[in-house]
PDB file of N, CA and C in Angstrom:
ATOM      1  N   UNK A   1     -76.074  94.306  -4.112  1.00  0.00           N
ATOM      2  CA  UNK A   1     -77.091  93.293  -4.074  1.00  0.00           C
ATOM      3  C   UNK A   1     -78.167  93.696  -5.083  1.00  0.00           C
ATOM      4  N   UNK A   2     -78.778  92.737  -5.702  1.00  0.00           N
ATOM      5  CA  UNK A   2     -79.834  92.994  -6.677  1.00  0.00           C
ATOM      6  C   UNK A   2     -80.983  93.734  -5.994  1.00  0.00           C
ATOM      7  N   UNK A   3     -81.290  94.937  -6.462  1.00  0.00           N
ATOM      8  CA  UNK A   3     -82.255  95.809  -5.802  1.00  0.00           C
ATOM      9  C   UNK A   3     -83.656  95.242  -5.711  1.00  0.00           C
ATOM     10  N   UNK A   4     -84.036  94.419  -6.667  1.00  0.00           N
ATOM     11  CA  UNK A   4     -85.394  93.905  -6.667  1.00  0.00           C
ATOM     12  C   UNK A   4     -85.647  92.911  -5.536  1.00  0.00           C
ATOM     13  N   UNK A   5     -84.627  92.569  -4.776  1.00  0.00           N
ATOM     14  CA  UNK A   5     -84.835  91.719  -3.599  1.00  0.00           C
ATOM     15  C   UNK A   5     -85.758  92.414  -2.597  1.00  0.00           C
ATOM     16  N   UNK A   6     -85.832  93.732  -2.694  1.00  0.00           N
ATOM     17  CA  UNK A   6     -86.740  94.468  -1.814  1.00  0.00           C
ATOM     18  C   UNK A   6     -88.189  94.046  -2.033  1.00  0.00           C
ATOM     19  N   UNK A   7     -88.533  93.653  -3.258  1.00  0.00           N
ATOM     20  CA  UNK A   7     -89.889  93.146  -3.507  1.00  0.00           C
ATOM     21  C   UNK A   7     -90.167  91.885  -2.692  1.00  0.00           C
ATOM     22  N   UNK A   8     -89.145  91.106  -2.454  1.00  0.00           N
ATOM     23  CA  UNK A   8     -89.303  89.923  -1.610  1.00  0.00           C
ATOM     24  C   UNK A   8     -89.649  90.301  -0.180  1.00  0.00           C
ATOM     25  N   UNK A   9     -89.052  91.380   0.311  1.00  0.00           N
ATOM     26  CA  UNK A   9     -89.379  91.855   1.657  1.00  0.00           C
ATOM     27  C   UNK A   9     -90.825  92.356   1.725  1.00  0.00           C
ATOM     28  N   UNK A  10     -91.286  92.998   0.665  1.00  0.00           N
ATOM     29  CA  UNK A  10     -92.681  93.459   0.623  1.00  0.00           C
ATOM     30  C   UNK A  10     -93.618  92.253   0.625  1.00  0.00           C
ATOM     31  N   UNK A  11     -93.272  91.235  -0.133  1.00  0.00           N
ATOM     32  CA  UNK A  11     -94.080  90.021  -0.163  1.00  0.00           C
ATOM     33  C   UNK A  11     -94.126  89.358   1.212  1.00  0.00           C
ATOM     34  N   UNK A  12     -92.998  89.351   1.924  1.00  0.00           N
ATOM     35  CA  UNK A  12     -92.960  88.805   3.284  1.00  0.00           C
ATOM     36  C   UNK A  12     -93.874  89.607   4.201  1.00  0.00           C
ATOM     37  N   UNK A  13     -93.842  90.925   4.076  1.00  0.00           N
ATOM     38  CA  UNK A  13     -94.714  91.788   4.876  1.00  0.00           C
ATOM     39  C   UNK A  13     -96.175  91.419   4.655  1.00  0.00           C
ATOM     40  N   UNK A  14     -96.577  91.297   3.404  1.00  0.00           N
ATOM     41  CA  UNK A  14     -97.975  91.000   3.074  1.00  0.00           C
ATOM     42  C   UNK A  14     -98.353  89.588   3.520  1.00  0.00           C
ATOM     43  N   UNK A  15     -97.512  88.625   3.232  1.00  0.00           N
ATOM     44  CA  UNK A  15     -97.870  87.235   3.477  1.00  0.00           C
ATOM     45  C   UNK A  15     -97.666  86.746   4.896  1.00  0.00           C
ATOM     46  N   UNK A  16     -96.739  87.355   5.627  1.00  0.00           N
ATOM     47  CA  UNK A  16     -96.401  86.830   6.949  1.00  0.00           C
ATOM     48  C   UNK A  16     -96.685  87.785   8.103  1.00  0.00           C
ATOM     49  N   UNK A  17     -96.650  89.073   7.872  1.00  0.00           N
ATOM     50  CA  UNK A  17     -96.777  90.019   8.977  1.00  0.00           C
ATOM     51  C   UNK A  17     -98.175  90.606   9.143  1.00  0.00           C
ATOM     52  N   UNK A  18     -98.980  90.565   8.101  1.00  0.00           N
ATOM     53  CA  UNK A  18    -100.351  91.044   8.235  1.00  0.00           C
ATOM     54  C   UNK A  18    -101.195  89.944   8.879  1.00  0.00           C
ATOM     55  N   UNK A  19    -102.196  90.314   9.662  1.00  0.00           N
ATOM     56  CA  UNK A  19    -102.953  89.302  10.401  1.00  0.00           C
ATOM     57  C   UNK A  19    -103.815  88.384   9.532  1.00  0.00           C
ATOM     58  N   UNK A  20    -104.328  88.867   8.430  1.00  0.00           N
ATOM     59  CA  UNK A  20    -105.195  88.058   7.558  1.00  0.00           C
ATOM     60  C   UNK A  20    -104.325  87.328   6.537  1.00  0.00           C
ATOM     61  N   UNK A  21    -104.422  86.022   6.470  1.00  0.00           N
ATOM     62  CA  UNK A  21    -103.606  85.226   5.542  1.00  0.00           C
ATOM     63  C   UNK A  21    -104.333  84.934   4.228  1.00  0.00           C
ATOM     64  N   UNK A  22    -105.596  85.289   4.127  1.00  0.00           N
ATOM     65  CA  UNK A  22    -106.376  85.015   2.921  1.00  0.00           C
ATOM     66  C   UNK A  22    -106.390  86.242   2.010  1.00  0.00           C
ATOM     67  N   UNK A  23    -105.190  86.665   1.586  1.00  0.00           N
ATOM     68  CA  UNK A  23    -105.048  87.856   0.755  1.00  0.00           C
ATOM     69  C   UNK A  23    -104.092  87.571  -0.392  1.00  0.00           C
ATOM     70  N   UNK A  24    -104.135  88.410  -1.388  1.00  0.00           N
ATOM     71  CA  UNK A  24    -103.178  88.329  -2.482  1.00  0.00           C
ATOM     72  C   UNK A  24    -102.786  89.732  -2.912  1.00  0.00           C
ATOM     73  N   UNK A  25    -101.617  89.829  -3.505  1.00  0.00           N
ATOM     74  CA  UNK A  25    -101.137  91.108  -4.015  1.00  0.00           C
ATOM     75  C   UNK A  25    -101.804  91.350  -5.365  1.00  0.00           C
ATOM     76  N   UNK A  26    -102.496  92.489  -5.480  1.00  0.00           N
ATOM     77  CA  UNK A  26    -103.168  92.842  -6.727  1.00  0.00           C
ATOM     78  C   UNK A  26    -102.285  93.731  -7.607  1.00  0.00           C
ATOM     79  N   UNK A  27    -101.542  94.623  -6.963  1.00  0.00           N
ATOM     80  CA  UNK A  27    -100.710  95.557  -7.715  1.00  0.00           C
ATOM     81  C   UNK A  27     -99.571  96.004  -6.816  1.00  0.00           C
ATOM     82  N   UNK A  28     -98.400  96.210  -7.411  1.00  0.00           N
ATOM     83  CA  UNK A  28     -97.254  96.655  -6.628  1.00  0.00           C
ATOM     84  C   UNK A  28     -96.389  97.589  -7.470  1.00  0.00           C
ATOM     85  N   UNK A  29     -95.936  98.673  -6.852  1.00  0.00           N
ATOM     86  CA  UNK A  29     -95.029  99.624  -7.501  1.00  0.00           C
ATOM     87  C   UNK A  29     -93.849  99.847  -6.567  1.00  0.00           C
ATOM     88  N   UNK A  30     -92.672 100.021  -7.148  1.00  0.00           N
ATOM     89  CA  UNK A  30     -91.504 100.362  -6.348  1.00  0.00           C
ATOM     90  C   UNK A  30     -90.606 101.282  -7.166  1.00  0.00           C
ATOM     91  N   UNK A  31     -90.066 102.299  -6.511  1.00  0.00           N
ATOM     92  CA  UNK A  31     -89.104 103.220  -7.117  1.00  0.00           C
ATOM     93  C   UNK A  31     -87.811 103.121  -6.322  1.00  0.00           C
ATOM     94  N   UNK A  32     -86.721 102.846  -7.016  1.00  0.00           N
ATOM     95  CA  UNK A  32     -85.420 102.721  -6.377  1.00  0.00           C
ATOM     96  C   UNK A  32     -84.696 104.067  -6.426  1.00  0.00           C
ATOM     97  N   UNK A  33     -84.187 104.518  -5.279  1.00  0.00           N
ATOM     98  CA  UNK A  33     -83.526 105.818  -5.203  1.00  0.00           C
ATOM     99  C   UNK A  33     -82.021 105.714  -4.997  1.00  0.00           C
ATOM    100  N   UNK A  34     -81.571 104.651  -4.333  1.00  0.00           N
ATOM    101  CA  UNK A  34     -80.148 104.428  -4.090  1.00  0.00           C
ATOM    102  C   UNK A  34     -79.885 102.929  -4.139  1.00  0.00           C
ATOM    103  N   UNK A  35     -78.636 102.549  -4.342  1.00  0.00           N
ATOM    104  CA  UNK A  35     -78.325 101.118  -4.338  1.00  0.00           C
ATOM    105  C   UNK A  35     -78.413 100.513  -2.942  1.00  0.00           C
ATOM    106  N   UNK A  36     -78.633  99.211  -2.910  1.00  0.00           N
ATOM    107  CA  UNK A  36     -78.667  98.450  -1.664  1.00  0.00           C
ATOM    108  C   UNK A  36     -77.427  97.555  -1.642  1.00  0.00           C
ATOM    109  N   UNK A  37     -76.723  97.562  -0.526  1.00  0.00           N
ATOM    110  CA  UNK A  37     -75.524  96.742  -0.378  1.00  0.00           C
ATOM    111  C   UNK A  37     -75.781  95.621   0.618  1.00  0.00           C
ATOM    112  N   UNK A  38     -75.097  94.515   0.446  1.00  0.00           N
ATOM    113  CA  UNK A  38     -75.313  93.347   1.277  1.00  0.00           C
ATOM    114  C   UNK A  38     -75.055  93.635   2.755  1.00  0.00           C
ATOM    115  N   UNK A  39     -74.245  94.627   3.063  1.00  0.00           N
ATOM    116  CA  UNK A  39     -73.940  94.949   4.462  1.00  0.00           C
ATOM    117  C   UNK A  39     -74.917  95.959   5.060  1.00  0.00           C
ATOM    118  N   UNK A  40     -75.840  96.460   4.258  1.00  0.00           N
ATOM    119  CA  UNK A  40     -76.807  97.445   4.744  1.00  0.00           C
ATOM    120  C   UNK A  40     -77.778  96.841   5.757  1.00  0.00           C
ATOM    121  N   UNK A  41     -78.114  97.629   6.751  1.00  0.00           N
ATOM    122  CA  UNK A  41     -79.223  97.331   7.643  1.00  0.00           C
ATOM    123  C   UNK A  41     -80.381  98.193   7.181  1.00  0.00           C
ATOM    124  N   UNK A  42     -81.477  97.557   6.822  1.00  0.00           N
ATOM    125  CA  UNK A  42     -82.614  98.283   6.264  1.00  0.00           C
ATOM    126  C   UNK A  42     -83.734  98.426   7.275  1.00  0.00           C
ATOM    127  N   UNK A  43     -84.405  99.564   7.213  1.00  0.00           N
ATOM    128  CA  UNK A  43     -85.638  99.794   7.957  1.00  0.00           C
ATOM    129  C   UNK A  43     -86.771  99.805   6.950  1.00  0.00           C
ATOM    130  N   UNK A  44     -87.859  99.139   7.299  1.00  0.00           N
ATOM    131  CA  UNK A  44     -89.040  99.084   6.445  1.00  0.00           C
ATOM    132  C   UNK A  44     -90.194  99.723   7.196  1.00  0.00           C
ATOM    133  N   UNK A  45     -90.872 100.640   6.541  1.00  0.00           N
ATOM    134  CA  UNK A  45     -92.021 101.320   7.144  1.00  0.00           C
ATOM    135  C   UNK A  45     -93.183 101.251   6.161  1.00  0.00           C
ATOM    136  N   UNK A  46     -94.336 100.769   6.625  1.00  0.00           N
ATOM    137  CA  UNK A  46     -95.529 100.680   5.786  1.00  0.00           C
ATOM    138  C   UNK A  46     -96.702 101.316   6.509  1.00  0.00           C
ATOM    139  N   UNK A  47     -97.516 102.045   5.753  1.00  0.00           N
ATOM    140  CA  UNK A  47     -98.698 102.696   6.302  1.00  0.00           C
ATOM    141  C   UNK A  47     -99.899 102.382   5.419  1.00  0.00           C
ATOM    142  N   UNK A  48    -101.022 102.105   6.067  1.00  0.00           N
ATOM    143  CA  UNK A  48    -102.261 101.897   5.330  1.00  0.00           C
ATOM    144  C   UNK A  48    -102.717 103.245   4.780  1.00  0.00           C
ATOM    145  N   UNK A  49    -102.784 103.362   3.461  1.00  0.00           N
ATOM    146  CA  UNK A  49    -103.096 104.640   2.824  1.00  0.00           C
ATOM    147  C   UNK A  49    -104.547 104.742   2.367  1.00  0.00           C
ATOM    148  N   UNK A  50    -105.112 103.632   1.897  1.00  0.00           N
ATOM    149  CA  UNK A  50    -106.480 103.648   1.379  1.00  0.00           C
ATOM    150  C   UNK A  50    -107.164 102.326   1.697  1.00  0.00           C
ATOM    151  N   UNK A  51    -108.462 102.396   1.932  1.00  0.00           N
ATOM    152  CA  UNK A  51    -109.285 101.205   2.137  1.00  0.00           C
ATOM    153  C   UNK A  51    -110.438 101.288   1.137  1.00  0.00           C
ATOM    154  N   UNK A  52    -110.585 100.229   0.331  1.00  0.00           N
ATOM    155  CA  UNK A  52    -111.676 100.149  -0.634  1.00  0.00           C
ATOM    156  C   UNK A  52    -112.624  99.053  -0.149  1.00  0.00           C
ATOM    157  N   UNK A  53    -113.541  99.427   0.729  1.00  0.00           N
ATOM    158  CA  UNK A  53    -114.418  98.449   1.374  1.00  0.00           C
ATOM    159  C   UNK A  53    -115.297  97.691   0.387  1.00  0.00           C
ATOM    160  N   UNK A  54    -115.748  98.343  -0.658  1.00  0.00           N
ATOM    161  CA  UNK A  54    -116.668  97.704  -1.596  1.00  0.00           C
ATOM    162  C   UNK A  54    -116.047  96.503  -2.307  1.00  0.00           C
ATOM    163  N   UNK A  55    -114.729  96.488  -2.429  1.00  0.00           N
ATOM    164  CA  UNK A  55    -114.050  95.377  -3.107  1.00  0.00           C
ATOM    165  C   UNK A  55    -113.040  94.688  -2.186  1.00  0.00           C
ATOM    166  N   UNK A  56    -113.105  94.959  -0.883  1.00  0.00           N
ATOM    167  CA  UNK A  56    -112.206  94.368   0.120  1.00  0.00           C
ATOM    168  C   UNK A  56    -110.747  94.465  -0.307  1.00  0.00           C
ATOM    169  N   UNK A  57    -110.334  95.683  -0.610  1.00  0.00           N
ATOM    170  CA  UNK A  57    -108.980  95.938  -1.087  1.00  0.00           C
ATOM    171  C   UNK A  57    -108.338  97.031  -0.239  1.00  0.00           C
ATOM    172  N   UNK A  58    -107.009  96.950  -0.075  1.00  0.00           N
ATOM    173  CA  UNK A  58    -106.284  97.880   0.789  1.00  0.00           C
ATOM    174  C   UNK A  58    -104.992  98.307   0.097  1.00  0.00           C
ATOM    175  N   UNK A  59    -104.647  99.572   0.237  1.00  0.00           N
ATOM    176  CA  UNK A  59    -103.432 100.106  -0.358  1.00  0.00           C
ATOM    177  C   UNK A  59    -102.482 100.540   0.754  1.00  0.00           C
ATOM    178  N   UNK A  60    -101.275  99.994   0.735  1.00  0.00           N
ATOM    179  CA  UNK A  60    -100.221 100.382   1.661  1.00  0.00           C
ATOM    180  C   UNK A  60     -99.149 101.150   0.901  1.00  0.00           C
ATOM    181  N   UNK A  61     -98.650 102.213   1.503  1.00  0.00           N
ATOM    182  CA  UNK A  61     -97.469 102.908   0.999  1.00  0.00           C
ATOM    183  C   UNK A  61     -96.309 102.511   1.899  1.00  0.00           C
ATOM    184  N   UNK A  62     -95.155 102.274   1.300  1.00  0.00           N
ATOM    185  CA  UNK A  62     -94.015 101.810   2.089  1.00  0.00           C
ATOM    186  C   UNK A  62     -92.715 102.501   1.676  1.00  0.00           C
ATOM    187  N   UNK A  63     -91.724 102.418   2.586  1.00  0.00           N
ATOM    188  CA  UNK A  63     -90.390 102.982   2.357  1.00  0.00           C
ATOM    189  C   UNK A  63     -89.346 102.028   2.908  1.00  0.00           C
ATOM    190  N   UNK A  64     -88.219 101.975   2.241  1.00  0.00           N
ATOM    191  CA  UNK A  64     -87.024 101.310   2.753  1.00  0.00           C
ATOM    192  C   UNK A  64     -85.971 102.375   2.985  1.00  0.00           C
ATOM    193  N   UNK A  65     -85.335 102.329   4.140  1.00  0.00           N
ATOM    194  CA  UNK A  65     -84.271 103.276   4.461  1.00  0.00           C
ATOM    195  C   UNK A  65     -83.073 102.518   5.007  1.00  0.00           C
ATOM    196  N   UNK A  66     -81.891 103.106   4.840  1.00  0.00           N
ATOM    197  CA  UNK A  66     -80.704 102.640   5.544  1.00  0.00           C
ATOM    198  C   UNK A  66     -80.107 103.846   6.263  1.00  0.00           C
ATOM    199  N   UNK A  67     -78.899 103.722   6.775  1.00  0.00           N
ATOM    200  CA  UNK A  67     -78.331 104.818   7.564  1.00  0.00           C
ATOM    201  C   UNK A  67     -78.126 106.092   6.760  1.00  0.00           C
ATOM    202  N   UNK A  68     -78.036 105.987   5.439  1.00  0.00           N
ATOM    203  CA  UNK A  68     -77.843 107.190   4.618  1.00  0.00           C
ATOM    204  C   UNK A  68     -79.150 107.785   4.113  1.00  0.00           C
ATOM    205  N   UNK A  69     -80.286 107.143   4.385  1.00  0.00           N
ATOM    206  CA  UNK A  69     -81.564 107.717   3.981  1.00  0.00           C
ATOM    207  C   UNK A  69     -82.420 106.778   3.154  1.00  0.00           C
ATOM    208  N   UNK A  70     -83.282 107.375   2.353  1.00  0.00           N
ATOM    209  CA  UNK A  70     -84.264 106.638   1.561  1.00  0.00           C
ATOM    210  C   UNK A  70     -83.583 105.799   0.479  1.00  0.00           C
ATOM    211  N   UNK A  71     -83.922 104.525   0.440  1.00  0.00           N
ATOM    212  CA  UNK A  71     -83.410 103.602  -0.572  1.00  0.00           C
ATOM    213  C   UNK A  71     -84.451 103.380  -1.666  1.00  0.00           C
ATOM    214  N   UNK A  72     -85.683 103.123  -1.241  1.00  0.00           N
ATOM    215  CA  UNK A  72     -86.765 102.840  -2.185  1.00  0.00           C
ATOM    216  C   UNK A  72     -88.094 103.145  -1.515  1.00  0.00           C
ATOM    217  N   UNK A  73     -89.099 103.401  -2.344  1.00  0.00           N
ATOM    218  CA  UNK A  73     -90.451 103.585  -1.826  1.00  0.00           C
ATOM    219  C   UNK A  73     -91.429 103.063  -2.854  1.00  0.00           C
ATOM    220  N   UNK A  74     -92.643 102.787  -2.384  1.00  0.00           N
ATOM    221  CA  UNK A  74     -93.617 102.268  -3.312  1.00  0.00           C
ATOM    222  C   UNK A  74     -94.980 102.079  -2.684  1.00  0.00           C
ATOM    223  N   UNK A  75     -95.814 101.336  -3.414  1.00  0.00           N
ATOM    224  CA  UNK A  75     -97.178 101.048  -2.988  1.00  0.00           C
ATOM    225  C   UNK A  75     -97.458  99.584  -3.283  1.00  0.00           C
ATOM    226  N   UNK A  76     -98.276  98.984  -2.434  1.00  0.00           N
ATOM    227  CA  UNK A  76     -98.750  97.627  -2.689  1.00  0.00           C
ATOM    228  C   UNK A  76    -100.237  97.582  -2.373  1.00  0.00           C
ATOM    229  N   UNK A  77    -101.002  97.082  -3.336  1.00  0.00           N
ATOM    230  CA  UNK A  77    -102.435  96.943  -3.147  1.00  0.00           C
ATOM    231  C   UNK A  77    -102.738  95.468  -2.957  1.00  0.00           C
ATOM    232  N   UNK A  78    -103.471  95.154  -1.890  1.00  0.00           N
ATOM    233  CA  UNK A  78    -103.817  93.772  -1.597  1.00  0.00           C
ATOM    234  C   UNK A  78    -105.336  93.633  -1.520  1.00  0.00           C
ATOM    235  N   UNK A  79    -105.796  92.410  -1.712  1.00  0.00           N
ATOM    236  CA  UNK A  79    -107.223  92.151  -1.635  1.00  0.00           C
ATOM    237  C   UNK A  79    -107.492  90.828  -0.957  1.00  0.00           C
ATOM    238  N   UNK A  80    -108.653  90.724  -0.346  1.00  0.00           N
ATOM    239  CA  UNK A  80    -109.079  89.483   0.292  1.00  0.00           C
ATOM    240  C   UNK A  80    -109.510  88.499  -0.785  1.00  0.00           C
ATOM    241  N   UNK A  81    -109.194  87.244  -0.559  1.00  0.00           N
ATOM    242  CA  UNK A  81    -109.563  86.186  -1.519  1.00  0.00           C
ATOM    243  C   UNK A  81    -111.031  85.842  -1.327  1.00  0.00           C
TER     244      UNK A  81
END
């Protein structure tokens, strides 16, 4: 499966799973470590790493894993509109 589909999952996390809907993605990084297959079951874990109160911005670090281990990891910075 095209690995960059994982960015779509990150976008879903930001847009649908966070409580505040008035946000946008300011910056995003992802590093791919292993291929993703269509039959894989993925686990997604995100942690709030930094809060920039002066500019209402937040940095999350995230990981994707499957049964064999780490698939990808990265960071996404979001800000309030």
